[in-house]
């Protein structure tokens, strides 16, 4: 992938183009360096920059839509899991089928005595 030029370089090139257009007797030996050719290349750069900006805005909008859809889907899945627990019970195989632990398989907290709590 090609790296872009620093913005200062492009600004300097644009300033040079403006100065070059003011030179009435400038006649390039190579037609690629003529004032008309350079103006056309700068216009192509402006069009490409505008297209890049539009693409970035479209990407930001697409990402925002994806994030919103993901949040909606996740919220709906949380609701569906709650509905499965309510309908089938917290210890049913249906709860395990949707990726949750059955109530009977949860590890119970271990109670410690008062003496053990102060030592550890």
C-alpha atoms as a PDB file:
ATOM      1  CA  UNK A   1       0.000   0.000   0.000  1.00  0.00           C
ATOM      2  CA  UNK A   2       1.318   3.394  -0.948  1.00  0.00           C
ATOM      3  CA  UNK A   3       1.787   5.974   1.749  1.00  0.00           C
ATOM      4  CA  UNK A   4       0.391   9.455   1.320  1.00  0.00           C
ATOM      5  CA  UNK A   5       2.513  12.546   1.122  1.00  0.00           C
ATOM      6  CA  UNK A   6       2.629  14.885   4.094  1.00  0.00           C
ATOM      7  CA  UNK A   7       0.036  17.651   3.840  1.00  0.00           C
ATOM      8  CA  UNK A   8       2.787  20.259   3.979  1.00  0.00           C
ATOM      9  CA  UNK A   9       4.334  18.831   0.829  1.00  0.00           C
ATOM     10  CA  UNK A  10       1.054  19.064  -1.068  1.00  0.00           C
ATOM     11  CA  UNK A  11       0.442  22.619   0.150  1.00  0.00           C
ATOM     12  CA  UNK A  12       3.918  23.567  -1.009  1.00  0.00           C
ATOM     13  CA  UNK A  13       3.251  21.942  -4.400  1.00  0.00           C
ATOM     14  CA  UNK A  14      -0.023  23.868  -4.727  1.00  0.00           C
ATOM     15  CA  UNK A  15       1.724  27.135  -3.900  1.00  0.00           C
ATOM     16  CA  UNK A  16       4.384  26.320  -6.500  1.00  0.00           C
ATOM     17  CA  UNK A  17       1.671  25.621  -9.075  1.00  0.00           C
ATOM     18  CA  UNK A  18       0.095  29.023  -8.409  1.00  0.00           C
ATOM     19  CA  UNK A  19       3.466  30.698  -8.873  1.00  0.00           C
ATOM     20  CA  UNK A  20       4.138  28.640 -12.016  1.00  0.00           C
ATOM     21  CA  UNK A  21       0.824  29.743 -13.547  1.00  0.00           C
ATOM     22  CA  UNK A  22       1.912  33.388 -13.054  1.00  0.00           C
ATOM     23  CA  UNK A  23       5.082  32.829 -15.078  1.00  0.00           C
ATOM     24  CA  UNK A  24       4.021  34.067 -18.522  1.00  0.00           C
ATOM     25  CA  UNK A  25       7.102  32.788 -20.357  1.00  0.00           C
ATOM     26  CA  UNK A  26       7.219  29.294 -18.779  1.00  0.00           C
ATOM     27  CA  UNK A  27       7.454  26.677 -21.507  1.00  0.00           C
ATOM     28  CA  UNK A  28       8.144  23.127 -20.305  1.00  0.00           C
ATOM     29  CA  UNK A  29      10.323  20.915 -22.462  1.00  0.00           C
ATOM     30  CA  UNK A  30       8.491  17.854 -21.150  1.00  0.00           C
ATOM     31  CA  UNK A  31       4.716  18.185 -21.765  1.00  0.00           C
ATOM     32  CA  UNK A  32       4.034  16.383 -18.479  1.00  0.00           C
ATOM     33  CA  UNK A  33       5.419  19.438 -16.688  1.00  0.00           C
ATOM     34  CA  UNK A  34       3.417  22.044 -18.576  1.00  0.00           C
ATOM     35  CA  UNK A  35       1.145  24.352 -16.581  1.00  0.00           C
ATOM     36  CA  UNK A  36      -1.959  22.820 -18.183  1.00  0.00           C
ATOM     37  CA  UNK A  37      -0.845  19.299 -17.330  1.00  0.00           C
ATOM     38  CA  UNK A  38      -0.045  20.273 -13.742  1.00  0.00           C
ATOM     39  CA  UNK A  39      -3.427  21.984 -13.344  1.00  0.00           C
ATOM     40  CA  UNK A  40      -5.154  18.846 -14.630  1.00  0.00           C
ATOM     41  CA  UNK A  41      -3.184  16.669 -12.186  1.00  0.00           C
ATOM     42  CA  UNK A  42      -4.082  18.973  -9.294  1.00  0.00           C
ATOM     43  CA  UNK A  43      -7.759  18.800 -10.297  1.00  0.00           C
ATOM     44  CA  UNK A  44      -7.537  14.998 -10.377  1.00  0.00           C
ATOM     45  CA  UNK A  45      -6.027  15.119  -6.884  1.00  0.00           C
ATOM     46  CA  UNK A  46      -8.931  17.276  -5.656  1.00  0.00           C
ATOM     47  CA  UNK A  47     -11.469  14.835  -7.141  1.00  0.00           C
ATOM     48  CA  UNK A  48      -9.695  11.875  -5.552  1.00  0.00           C
ATOM     49  CA  UNK A  49      -9.587  13.639  -2.176  1.00  0.00           C
ATOM     50  CA  UNK A  50     -13.321  14.383  -2.419  1.00  0.00           C
ATOM     51  CA  UNK A  51     -14.037  10.742  -3.300  1.00  0.00           C
ATOM     52  CA  UNK A  52     -11.950   9.612  -0.315  1.00  0.00           C
ATOM     53  CA  UNK A  53     -13.864  11.947   1.987  1.00  0.00           C
ATOM     54  CA  UNK A  54     -17.203  10.629   0.709  1.00  0.00           C
ATOM     55  CA  UNK A  55     -15.998   7.040   1.183  1.00  0.00           C
ATOM     56  CA  UNK A  56     -14.849   7.776   4.745  1.00  0.00           C
ATOM     57  CA  UNK A  57     -18.234   9.304   5.583  1.00  0.00           C
ATOM     58  CA  UNK A  58     -20.005   6.279   4.084  1.00  0.00           C
ATOM     59  CA  UNK A  59     -17.756   3.955   6.109  1.00  0.00           C
ATOM     60  CA  UNK A  60     -18.511   5.864   9.319  1.00  0.00           C
ATOM     61  CA  UNK A  61     -22.252   5.626   8.608  1.00  0.00           C
ATOM     62  CA  UNK A  62     -21.980   1.899   7.850  1.00  0.00           C
ATOM     63  CA  UNK A  63     -20.019   1.307  11.063  1.00  0.00           C
ATOM     64  CA  UNK A  64     -22.590   3.236  13.091  1.00  0.00           C
ATOM     65  CA  UNK A  65     -25.388   1.160  11.539  1.00  0.00           C
ATOM     66  CA  UNK A  66     -23.494  -2.059  12.287  1.00  0.00           C
ATOM     67  CA  UNK A  67     -22.912  -1.051  15.912  1.00  0.00           C
ATOM     68  CA  UNK A  68     -26.585  -0.128  16.364  1.00  0.00           C
ATOM     69  CA  UNK A  69     -27.693  -3.434  14.809  1.00  0.00           C
ATOM     70  CA  UNK A  70     -25.289  -5.365  17.041  1.00  0.00           C
ATOM     71  CA  UNK A  71     -26.610  -3.635  20.166  1.00  0.00           C
ATOM     72  CA  UNK A  72     -30.211  -4.299  19.117  1.00  0.00           C
ATOM     73  CA  UNK A  73     -29.415  -7.962  18.434  1.00  0.00           C
ATOM     74  CA  UNK A  74     -27.613  -8.350  21.773  1.00  0.00           C
ATOM     75  CA  UNK A  75     -30.451  -6.718  23.705  1.00  0.00           C
ATOM     76  CA  UNK A  76     -32.958  -9.004  21.975  1.00  0.00           C
ATOM     77  CA  UNK A  77     -30.823 -12.073  22.780  1.00  0.00           C
ATOM     78  CA  UNK A  78     -30.669 -11.072  26.448  1.00  0.00           C
ATOM     79  CA  UNK A  79     -34.461 -10.774  26.424  1.00  0.00           C
ATOM     80  CA  UNK A  80     -34.826 -14.136  24.719  1.00  0.00           C
ATOM     81  CA  UNK A  81     -32.563 -15.793  27.305  1.00  0.00           C
ATOM     82  CA  UNK A  82     -34.652 -14.306  30.091  1.00  0.00           C
ATOM     83  CA  UNK A  83     -37.788 -15.566  28.349  1.00  0.00           C
ATOM     84  CA  UNK A  84     -36.337 -19.096  28.111  1.00  0.00           C
ATOM     85  CA  UNK A  85     -35.522 -19.052  31.830  1.00  0.00           C
ATOM     86  CA  UNK A  86     -39.024 -17.791  32.635  1.00  0.00           C
ATOM     87  CA  UNK A  87     -40.729 -20.367  30.404  1.00  0.00           C
ATOM     88  CA  UNK A  88     -38.634 -23.468  31.087  1.00  0.00           C
ATOM     89  CA  UNK A  89     -37.114 -22.749  34.498  1.00  0.00           C
ATOM     90  CA  UNK A  90     -33.557 -21.987  35.542  1.00  0.00           C
ATOM     91  CA  UNK A  91     -32.585 -25.671  35.861  1.00  0.00           C
ATOM     92  CA  UNK A  92     -33.903 -26.986  32.535  1.00  0.00           C
ATOM     93  CA  UNK A  93     -31.962 -28.420  29.596  1.00  0.00           C
ATOM     94  CA  UNK A  94     -33.327 -25.529  27.478  1.00  0.00           C
ATOM     95  CA  UNK A  95     -31.274 -23.107  29.563  1.00  0.00           C
ATOM     96  CA  UNK A  96     -28.174 -25.146  28.835  1.00  0.00           C
ATOM     97  CA  UNK A  97     -29.070 -25.326  25.140  1.00  0.00           C
ATOM     98  CA  UNK A  98     -28.943 -21.533  24.782  1.00  0.00           C
ATOM     99  CA  UNK A  99     -25.496 -21.355  26.368  1.00  0.00           C
ATOM    100  CA  UNK A 100     -26.318 -20.621  29.993  1.00  0.00           C
ATOM    101  CA  UNK A 101     -25.503 -22.721  33.036  1.00  0.00           C
ATOM    102  CA  UNK A 102     -28.247 -24.625  34.733  1.00  0.00           C
ATOM    103  CA  UNK A 103     -28.914 -23.480  38.281  1.00  0.00           C
ATOM    104  CA  UNK A 104     -27.918 -26.876  39.672  1.00  0.00           C
ATOM    105  CA  UNK A 105     -24.523 -26.680  37.937  1.00  0.00           C
ATOM    106  CA  UNK A 106     -23.539 -23.329  39.398  1.00  0.00           C
ATOM    107  CA  UNK A 107     -20.819 -23.446  41.974  1.00  0.00           C
ATOM    108  CA  UNK A 108     -22.083 -22.568  45.408  1.00  0.00           C
ATOM    109  CA  UNK A 109     -20.109 -19.990  47.389  1.00  0.00           C
ATOM    110  CA  UNK A 110     -18.078 -21.486  50.206  1.00  0.00           C
ATOM    111  CA  UNK A 111     -18.781 -19.980  53.593  1.00  0.00           C
ATOM    112  CA  UNK A 112     -15.816 -19.376  55.772  1.00  0.00           C
ATOM    113  CA  UNK A 113     -15.818 -19.209  59.509  1.00  0.00           C
ATOM    114  CA  UNK A 114     -15.059 -15.974  61.370  1.00  0.00           C
ATOM    115  CA  UNK A 115     -11.597 -17.217  62.404  1.00  0.00           C
ATOM    116  CA  UNK A 116     -10.697 -18.227  58.839  1.00  0.00           C
ATOM    117  CA  UNK A 117     -11.845 -14.866  57.437  1.00  0.00           C
ATOM    118  CA  UNK A 118      -9.467 -12.928  59.709  1.00  0.00           C
ATOM    119  CA  UNK A 119      -6.459 -15.151  58.908  1.00  0.00           C
ATOM    120  CA  UNK A 120      -6.699 -15.173  55.081  1.00  0.00           C
END
